Amino acid sequence: MTTSTVAEQEEARLYDELRLALEEVEEGERRHKMLKQMIRQIKFARWRKERFRRFDRYVQEVRPATLWIMLATGALMPVVLFSIFIWVSLWVE
């Protein structure tokens, strides 16, 4: 059984929106512009889905301990860098 990701849901929503929009608008330039815009959005959704497939898979498999380590590292990094800056500036004087 496969689970649908956010990108797949977005792509399906865009297809439905395209179908409904084309039914509402009569033939002509306005319909052509709307069609081009929707095709561009669908291409972007596909591009995003393919581009972030590895990242999404990694995020789904990350453990809570790993997540806490990442958060702690990110939170402490400015403190460490500032301390290094102070040490270097005191050493230079």
Protein backbone atom coordinates (compact mmCIF):
# COMPACT_ATOMS: atom_id res chain seq x y z
CA MET A 1 0.00 0.00 0.00
CA THR A 2 1.48 3.33 -0.98
CA THR A 3 0.99 6.53 0.94
CA SER A 4 0.50 9.78 -0.91
CA THR A 5 2.92 12.53 -0.10
CA VAL A 6 2.19 16.22 0.09
CA ALA A 7 3.63 16.78 -3.39
CA GLU A 8 1.38 14.10 -4.89
CA GLN A 9 -1.66 15.60 -3.17
CA GLU A 10 -0.67 19.04 -4.47
CA GLU A 11 -0.30 17.67 -7.99
CA ALA A 12 -3.71 15.98 -7.83
CA ARG A 13 -5.26 19.19 -6.53
CA LEU A 14 -3.70 21.14 -9.39
CA TYR A 15 -5.04 18.67 -11.96
CA ASP A 16 -8.53 18.98 -10.49
CA GLU A 17 -8.26 22.76 -10.42
CA LEU A 18 -7.10 22.75 -14.05
CA ARG A 19 -10.02 20.60 -15.12
CA LEU A 20 -12.54 22.80 -13.30
CA ALA A 21 -10.96 26.00 -14.61
CA LEU A 22 -11.04 24.76 -18.19
CA GLU A 23 -14.70 23.82 -17.86
CA GLU A 24 -15.58 27.33 -16.62
CA VAL A 25 -13.69 29.35 -19.22
CA GLU A 26 -14.71 29.48 -22.86
CA GLU A 27 -12.27 29.13 -25.76
CA GLY A 28 -9.85 31.96 -26.39
CA GLU A 29 -6.84 33.79 -25.12
CA ARG A 30 -7.96 33.79 -21.49
CA ARG A 31 -8.29 30.00 -21.52
CA HIS A 32 -4.87 29.68 -23.14
CA LYS A 33 -3.25 31.89 -20.44
CA MET A 34 -4.95 29.97 -17.66
CA LEU A 35 -3.87 26.65 -19.18
CA LYS A 36 -0.24 27.80 -19.43
CA GLN A 37 -0.26 28.96 -15.80
CA MET A 38 -1.70 25.69 -14.53
CA ILE A 39 0.75 23.63 -16.59
CA ARG A 40 3.61 25.64 -15.08
CA GLN A 41 2.30 24.94 -11.56
CA ILE A 42 1.98 21.22 -12.29
CA LYS A 43 5.52 21.09 -13.68
CA PHE A 44 6.80 22.83 -10.55
CA ALA A 45 4.95 20.34 -8.32
CA ARG A 46 6.51 17.43 -10.23
CA TRP A 47 9.96 19.03 -10.10
CA ARG A 48 9.64 19.55 -6.36
CA LYS A 49 8.47 15.99 -5.81
CA GLU A 50 11.45 14.57 -7.70
CA ARG A 51 13.94 17.03 -6.22
CA PHE A 52 12.97 16.49 -2.58
CA ARG A 53 12.30 12.73 -2.73
CA ARG A 54 15.54 11.83 -0.91
CA PHE A 55 15.12 14.62 1.65
CA ASP A 56 11.51 13.66 2.40
CA ARG A 57 12.50 10.02 2.83
CA TYR A 58 15.31 11.01 5.24
CA VAL A 59 13.00 13.25 7.29
CA GLN A 60 10.44 10.46 7.62
CA GLU A 61 13.10 8.03 8.90
CA VAL A 62 14.83 10.39 11.37
CA ARG A 63 14.82 9.25 14.99
CA PRO A 64 13.85 11.53 17.89
CA ALA A 65 17.38 11.38 19.37
CA THR A 66 18.87 12.49 16.06
CA LEU A 67 16.36 15.29 15.86
CA TRP A 68 17.25 16.50 19.36
CA ILE A 69 20.96 16.42 18.50
CA MET A 70 20.31 18.47 15.36
CA LEU A 71 18.25 21.03 17.29
CA ALA A 72 20.79 21.32 20.10
CA THR A 73 23.65 21.73 17.63
CA GLY A 74 21.76 24.41 15.74
CA ALA A 75 20.87 26.26 18.93
CA LEU A 76 24.39 26.14 20.37
CA MET A 77 26.25 27.01 17.17
CA PRO A 78 25.83 30.83 17.52
CA VAL A 79 27.11 30.64 21.12
CA VAL A 80 30.17 28.62 20.05
CA LEU A 81 30.94 30.93 17.13
CA PHE A 82 30.61 34.02 19.32
CA SER A 83 32.90 32.48 21.93
CA ILE A 84 35.49 31.72 19.25
CA PHE A 85 35.22 35.29 18.00
CA ILE A 86 35.81 36.67 21.52
CA TRP A 87 38.79 34.35 22.07
CA VAL A 88 40.39 35.32 18.77
CA SER A 89 39.83 39.04 19.37
CA LEU A 90 41.38 38.79 22.84
CA TRP A 91 44.29 36.77 21.49
CA VAL A 92 44.97 39.31 18.73
CA GLU A 93 45.14 42.21 21.21
